[in-house]
Amino acid sequence: MGERGREDGSLHILTLDEAPGHLIRRAQQRHTFLWAKEFDGDLTGPQYAVVSAIGADPGLDQRAVGERASLDKSSTADVVARLEGRGWLRFARDPDDGRRKSLSLTPLARVALGEITRRAGLVQERLLAPVPDEIVERFVEALRLVAYAGHPPLPGQVHEQGLVLADSPGHLLRRAEQVHTTAWSTEVGRVMTAPQYAVLSALWRHPEGVDQSTGAELASLDKSSMAGVVQRLVMRGWLARTRDAADGRRRLLRLTEAIRGELVSLTPAVRRVQERLLSPLESEQRAIFLDGLRALAYASDAE
């Protein structure tokens, strides 16, 4: 990191652009943006995951659909209810087990599936576009390993019933983010959330302070999430709001002395989170994975 990092103590604090967990969240945000741009609210990524899972394997029950789509129980129930209300899903009682209900696509959904799969495929292509051609296949394979904690299913192929979720980078990013959440809970626990650490890490490198909007950009948080994080950090005495000497109307966020030692002591646990994420990868795979992830995370799709 260089002498500057040694002088200000930053060597102890994980920078966001070197943290795969943060890069995964940024890349997932980009996928969400690209998906919304393509589908304009007509269909969400989780809804497509459920439709695709059922299209590939009719007769799954709701629990199995959630597992295939990498959704928790509550999210699965919500997505299934919305799709059923839209006339895309129907339940059938299992003749061999009266307590079990299987899910299948309606004719309406099957007619729509081909076109939405084509468009979902375009989103995946746009997502991967910033990754150099010479590493894209190896990057996706590394992403599969991270997303499935070293035990990915066998690769599949795109077919008329939908994308194979286990091979789709957008779905893999969501799974990888879930792996990160689990690792964070194990190593860091409730002391601090990952978004809180992102804000504090960003501000560590700006001792002069930044306004809330800039802090949100640095930490890759939307306006509402940033407001909630800042409120909690101020209440804990870890952030202070001060008036900008150069512009009395502007308020700046600064770290308090109370949090500086806490951040340094917490950073080894944060580094262990990142190591858990990367543990399925060999050294060369890690380099490719991080290069590809940075390309995704910091790509511009404003055009």
Protein backbone atom coordinates (compact mmCIF):
# COMPACT_ATOMS: atom_id res chain seq x y z
CA MET A 1 0.00 0.00 0.00
CA GLY A 2 3.06 2.28 0.30
CA GLU A 3 4.50 4.68 2.84
CA ARG A 4 1.39 6.82 2.98
CA GLY A 5 -0.60 3.87 4.27
CA ARG A 6 2.04 3.17 6.93
CA GLU A 7 2.06 6.77 8.11
CA ASP A 8 -1.69 7.19 8.61
CA GLY A 9 -2.43 3.71 9.89
CA SER A 10 -4.45 2.73 6.82
CA LEU A 11 -2.38 -0.40 6.50
CA HIS A 12 -4.62 -1.83 9.25
CA ILE A 13 -7.89 -0.90 7.55
CA LEU A 14 -9.17 -2.86 4.60
CA THR A 15 -9.76 -0.58 1.62
CA LEU A 16 -13.06 -1.20 -0.10
CA ASP A 17 -11.53 -1.79 -3.53
CA GLU A 18 -9.48 -4.68 -2.15
CA ALA A 19 -12.37 -6.30 -0.29
CA PRO A 20 -14.09 -8.97 -2.44
CA GLY A 21 -17.23 -8.75 -0.31
CA HIS A 22 -17.62 -5.07 -1.14
CA LEU A 23 -16.78 -5.66 -4.80
CA ILE A 24 -19.41 -8.40 -4.98
CA ARG A 25 -22.01 -6.01 -3.55
CA ARG A 26 -21.08 -3.32 -6.09
CA ALA A 27 -21.19 -5.86 -8.94
CA GLN A 28 -24.57 -7.11 -7.75
CA GLN A 29 -25.85 -3.54 -7.65
CA ARG A 30 -24.72 -3.16 -11.25
CA HIS A 31 -26.58 -6.34 -12.23
CA THR A 32 -29.71 -4.99 -10.54
CA PHE A 33 -29.33 -1.74 -12.49
CA LEU A 34 -28.91 -3.57 -15.80
CA TRP A 35 -31.86 -5.84 -15.05
CA ALA A 36 -34.11 -2.90 -14.19
CA LYS A 37 -33.00 -1.10 -17.33
CA GLU A 38 -33.95 -4.11 -19.47
CA PHE A 39 -37.20 -5.12 -17.75
CA ASP A 40 -38.37 -1.72 -16.43
CA GLY A 41 -40.15 -3.22 -13.43
CA ASP A 42 -42.04 -5.88 -15.39
CA LEU A 43 -40.07 -8.75 -13.85
CA THR A 44 -37.52 -8.89 -11.03
CA GLY A 45 -34.41 -11.04 -10.96
CA PRO A 46 -35.75 -13.25 -8.12
CA GLN A 47 -39.05 -13.68 -10.00
CA TYR A 48 -37.17 -14.83 -13.09
CA ALA A 49 -35.08 -17.19 -10.94
CA VAL A 50 -38.27 -18.85 -9.66
CA VAL A 51 -39.85 -19.08 -13.13
CA SER A 52 -36.62 -20.46 -14.59
CA ALA A 53 -36.22 -23.04 -11.81
CA ILE A 54 -39.78 -24.32 -12.29
CA GLY A 55 -39.47 -24.25 -16.06
CA ALA A 56 -36.35 -26.42 -15.87
CA ASP A 57 -37.86 -28.86 -13.38
CA PRO A 58 -41.70 -28.86 -13.20
CA GLY A 59 -43.19 -30.41 -10.10
CA LEU A 60 -40.90 -28.84 -7.51
CA ASP A 61 -42.53 -27.80 -4.25
CA GLN A 62 -42.11 -24.30 -2.87
CA ARG A 63 -39.21 -25.23 -0.59
CA ALA A 64 -37.25 -26.81 -3.44
CA VAL A 65 -37.99 -23.84 -5.71
CA GLY A 66 -36.56 -21.51 -3.08
CA GLU A 67 -33.41 -23.60 -2.84
CA ARG A 68 -32.95 -23.64 -6.63
CA ALA A 69 -33.56 -19.88 -6.83
CA SER A 70 -31.33 -19.18 -3.78
CA LEU A 71 -34.12 -17.41 -1.90
CA ASP A 72 -35.02 -17.64 1.77
CA LYS A 73 -38.40 -18.98 2.85
CA SER A 74 -40.07 -15.59 3.23
CA SER A 75 -38.79 -14.24 -0.09
CA THR A 76 -39.83 -17.41 -1.91
CA ALA A 77 -43.36 -17.19 -0.51
CA ASP A 78 -43.63 -13.56 -1.59
CA VAL A 79 -42.30 -14.18 -5.11
CA VAL A 80 -44.48 -17.25 -5.62
CA ALA A 81 -47.58 -15.37 -4.43
CA ARG A 82 -46.89 -12.50 -6.84
CA LEU A 83 -46.31 -14.83 -9.77
CA GLU A 84 -49.43 -16.84 -8.94
CA GLY A 85 -51.44 -13.61 -8.80
CA ARG A 86 -50.03 -12.69 -12.18
CA GLY A 87 -51.32 -15.97 -13.60
CA TRP A 88 -47.87 -17.45 -14.20
CA LEU A 89 -47.83 -20.24 -11.60
CA ARG A 90 -50.24 -22.88 -10.41
CA PHE A 91 -50.20 -25.35 -7.57
CA ALA A 92 -51.11 -29.03 -7.82
CA ARG A 93 -51.48 -31.50 -4.98
CA ASP A 94 -49.01 -34.36 -5.12
CA PRO A 95 -50.96 -37.62 -5.68
CA ASP A 96 -48.36 -39.51 -3.62
CA ASP A 97 -48.32 -37.02 -0.74
CA GLY A 98 -51.49 -35.05 -0.07
CA ARG A 99 -49.62 -32.56 2.12
CA ARG A 100 -47.23 -31.61 -0.68
CA LYS A 101 -48.08 -29.09 -3.40
CA SER A 102 -45.99 -28.92 -6.56
CA LEU A 103 -45.55 -25.85 -8.73
CA SER A 104 -45.74 -25.61 -12.49
CA LEU A 105 -45.83 -22.83 -15.08
CA THR A 106 -49.11 -21.85 -16.68
CA PRO A 107 -49.40 -21.71 -20.49
CA LEU A 108 -49.17 -17.91 -20.19
CA ALA A 109 -45.80 -18.17 -18.43
CA ARG A 110 -44.49 -20.75 -20.89
CA VAL A 111 -45.31 -18.47 -23.81
CA ALA A 112 -43.50 -15.58 -22.09
CA LEU A 113 -40.51 -17.62 -20.90
CA GLY A 114 -38.67 -17.76 -24.21
CA GLU A 115 -38.66 -13.99 -24.67
CA ILE A 116 -37.82 -13.12 -21.07
CA THR A 117 -35.01 -15.70 -21.16
CA ARG A 118 -33.59 -14.01 -24.25
CA ARG A 119 -33.67 -10.67 -22.47
CA ALA A 120 -32.24 -12.14 -19.27
CA GLY A 121 -29.39 -13.52 -21.35
CA LEU A 122 -28.71 -10.05 -22.74
CA VAL A 123 -28.44 -8.73 -19.19
CA GLN A 124 -25.81 -11.38 -18.41
CA GLU A 125 -23.86 -10.43 -21.54
CA ARG A 126 -23.94 -6.74 -20.63
CA LEU A 127 -22.92 -7.57 -17.07
CA LEU A 128 -19.82 -9.45 -18.24
CA ALA A 129 -18.93 -6.99 -21.02
CA PRO A 130 -16.32 -5.07 -18.96
CA VAL A 131 -14.38 -8.27 -18.14
CA PRO A 132 -11.47 -8.83 -20.56
CA ASP A 133 -12.28 -11.55 -23.09
CA GLU A 134 -9.18 -13.54 -22.22
CA ILE A 135 -10.27 -14.11 -18.61
CA VAL A 136 -14.07 -14.07 -18.79
CA GLU A 137 -14.54 -17.87 -18.78
CA ARG A 138 -12.09 -18.37 -15.94
CA PHE A 139 -13.68 -15.50 -14.03
CA VAL A 140 -17.15 -17.05 -14.28
CA GLU A 141 -15.79 -20.41 -13.16
CA ALA A 142 -14.12 -18.74 -10.17
CA LEU A 143 -17.38 -16.93 -9.41
CA ARG A 144 -19.21 -20.27 -9.46
CA LEU A 145 -16.75 -21.65 -6.91
CA VAL A 146 -17.18 -18.66 -4.62
CA ALA A 147 -20.98 -18.61 -5.01
CA TYR A 148 -21.26 -22.30 -4.09
CA ALA A 149 -18.52 -22.21 -1.43
CA GLY A 150 -16.34 -24.56 -3.43
CA HIS A 151 -19.04 -27.07 -4.36
CA PRO A 152 -20.82 -25.86 -7.50
CA PRO A 153 -23.19 -28.10 -9.43
CA LEU A 154 -22.08 -29.41 -12.79
CA PRO A 155 -22.23 -26.76 -15.56
CA GLY A 156 -25.38 -26.74 -17.67
CA GLN A 157 -26.50 -25.05 -20.85
CA VAL A 158 -29.03 -22.38 -21.76
CA HIS A 159 -32.22 -24.04 -22.98
CA GLU A 160 -35.71 -23.03 -23.99
CA GLN A 161 -37.03 -23.42 -20.44
CA GLY A 162 -34.78 -20.66 -19.06
CA LEU A 163 -31.22 -19.86 -18.11
CA VAL A 164 -29.36 -22.35 -15.97
CA LEU A 165 -29.14 -20.34 -12.77
CA ALA A 166 -25.94 -22.01 -11.61
CA ASP A 167 -24.18 -20.66 -14.71
CA SER A 168 -25.70 -17.15 -14.76
CA PRO A 169 -23.32 -14.49 -13.41
CA GLY A 170 -26.11 -12.31 -12.00
CA HIS A 171 -27.49 -15.22 -10.00
CA LEU A 172 -23.98 -16.23 -8.95
CA LEU A 173 -23.28 -12.73 -7.65
CA ARG A 174 -26.43 -12.86 -5.52
CA ARG A 175 -25.36 -16.23 -4.12
CA ALA A 176 -21.83 -14.91 -3.50
CA GLU A 177 -23.30 -11.97 -1.61
CA GLN A 178 -25.22 -14.45 0.54
CA VAL A 179 -21.96 -16.34 1.22
CA HIS A 180 -20.41 -13.04 2.30
CA THR A 181 -23.33 -12.29 4.63
CA THR A 182 -22.96 -15.68 6.30
CA ALA A 183 -19.19 -15.26 6.66
CA TRP A 184 -19.65 -11.76 8.09
CA SER A 185 -22.13 -13.07 10.65
CA THR A 186 -19.66 -15.80 11.68
CA GLU A 187 -16.52 -13.66 11.92
CA VAL A 188 -17.79 -10.20 12.86
CA GLY A 189 -21.20 -10.92 14.32
CA ARG A 190 -23.38 -8.07 15.52
CA VAL A 191 -20.57 -5.70 16.44
CA MET A 192 -20.88 -3.94 13.11
CA THR A 193 -22.67 -4.55 9.82
CA ALA A 194 -20.86 -4.71 6.49
CA PRO A 195 -22.47 -1.44 5.25
CA GLN A 196 -21.42 0.26 8.49
CA TYR A 197 -17.86 -0.94 8.02
CA ALA A 198 -17.94 0.28 4.42
CA VAL A 199 -18.89 3.79 5.55
CA LEU A 200 -16.28 3.86 8.31
CA SER A 201 -13.58 2.46 6.03
CA ALA A 202 -14.36 5.10 3.41
CA LEU A 203 -14.25 7.92 5.98
CA TRP A 204 -10.98 6.64 7.46
CA ARG A 205 -9.30 7.86 4.28
CA HIS A 206 -11.00 11.24 4.46
CA PRO A 207 -10.07 12.65 7.88
CA GLU A 208 -11.12 16.11 6.69
CA GLY A 209 -14.68 14.78 6.44
CA VAL A 210 -17.13 14.32 3.57
CA ASP A 211 -20.78 15.19 3.12
CA GLN A 212 -23.36 12.43 3.39
CA SER A 213 -23.93 12.18 -0.36
CA THR A 214 -20.22 11.72 -1.04
CA GLY A 215 -19.98 9.19 1.77
CA ALA A 216 -22.80 7.19 0.20
CA GLU A 217 -20.97 7.13 -3.14
CA LEU A 218 -17.72 6.02 -1.50
CA ALA A 219 -19.47 3.22 0.41
CA SER A 220 -21.73 2.25 -2.53
CA LEU A 221 -24.96 2.84 -0.61
CA ASP A 222 -28.18 4.40 -1.82
CA LYS A 223 -29.46 7.58 -0.19
CA SER A 224 -31.96 5.84 2.11
CA SER A 225 -29.53 3.13 3.27
CA MET A 226 -26.81 5.72 3.91
CA ALA A 227 -29.17 7.80 6.05
CA GLY A 228 -30.01 4.77 8.20
CA VAL A 229 -26.36 3.76 8.59
CA VAL A 230 -25.27 7.29 9.50
CA GLN A 231 -28.04 7.64 12.07
CA ARG A 232 -26.97 4.42 13.81
CA LEU A 233 -23.28 5.30 13.72
CA VAL A 234 -23.92 8.76 15.16
CA MET A 235 -26.06 7.26 17.93
CA ARG A 236 -23.22 4.87 18.80
CA GLY A 237 -20.77 7.75 18.99
CA TRP A 238 -18.74 6.49 16.04
CA LEU A 239 -19.54 9.32 13.62
CA ALA A 240 -19.79 13.05 14.22
CA ARG A 241 -21.56 15.65 12.11
CA THR A 242 -19.69 18.94 11.93
CA ARG A 243 -20.28 22.17 10.07
CA ASP A 244 -18.03 22.77 7.06
CA ALA A 245 -15.80 25.77 7.79
CA ALA A 246 -15.78 26.66 4.09
CA ASP A 247 -19.58 26.41 3.71
CA GLY A 248 -21.71 26.90 6.80
CA ARG A 249 -24.72 25.27 5.12
CA ARG A 250 -22.84 22.02 4.58
CA ARG A 251 -22.49 19.28 7.19
CA LEU A 252 -19.54 16.90 7.14
CA LEU A 253 -19.22 13.38 8.50
CA ARG A 254 -16.05 12.51 10.43
CA LEU A 255 -14.91 9.52 12.42
CA THR A 256 -14.76 10.02 16.17
CA GLU A 257 -11.73 9.00 18.18
CA ALA A 258 -13.89 6.36 19.85
CA ILE A 259 -14.13 4.30 16.65
CA ARG A 260 -10.56 4.47 15.38
CA GLY A 261 -9.16 1.86 17.74
CA GLU A 262 -12.29 -0.26 17.31
CA LEU A 263 -11.83 -0.27 13.54
CA VAL A 264 -8.21 -1.34 13.75
CA SER A 265 -9.04 -4.16 16.18
CA LEU A 266 -11.99 -5.31 14.07
CA THR A 267 -10.17 -5.37 10.74
CA PRO A 268 -8.55 -8.83 11.24
CA ALA A 269 -12.05 -10.32 11.51
CA VAL A 270 -13.09 -8.44 8.36
CA ARG A 271 -10.04 -9.85 6.57
CA ARG A 272 -11.06 -13.35 7.67
CA VAL A 273 -14.45 -12.76 6.04
CA GLN A 274 -12.70 -12.01 2.75
CA GLU A 275 -10.49 -15.08 3.14
CA ARG A 276 -13.56 -17.27 3.66
CA LEU A 277 -15.00 -15.92 0.43
CA LEU A 278 -11.82 -16.64 -1.51
CA SER A 279 -10.99 -19.95 0.17
CA PRO A 280 -12.30 -22.14 -2.71
CA LEU A 281 -9.86 -20.47 -5.12
CA GLU A 282 -6.21 -21.18 -5.85
CA SER A 283 -3.76 -18.27 -6.06
CA GLU A 284 -4.08 -17.76 -9.83
CA GLN A 285 -7.88 -18.07 -9.66
CA ARG A 286 -7.97 -15.42 -6.94
CA ALA A 287 -6.11 -12.94 -9.11
CA ILE A 288 -8.44 -13.58 -12.05
CA PHE A 289 -11.51 -13.41 -9.83
CA LEU A 290 -10.51 -10.08 -8.28
CA ASP A 291 -9.53 -8.59 -11.64
CA GLY A 292 -12.88 -9.59 -13.15
CA LEU A 293 -14.80 -8.48 -10.08
CA ARG A 294 -13.19 -5.02 -10.11
CA ALA A 295 -14.02 -4.71 -13.81
CA LEU A 296 -17.68 -5.45 -13.02
CA ALA A 297 -17.85 -3.38 -9.84
CA TYR A 298 -16.41 -0.19 -11.30
CA ALA A 299 -17.87 -0.36 -14.81
CA SER A 300 -19.91 2.59 -16.00
CA ASP A 301 -23.31 1.87 -17.51
CA ALA A 302 -24.58 5.41 -17.66
CA GLU A 303 -24.64 5.50 -21.45
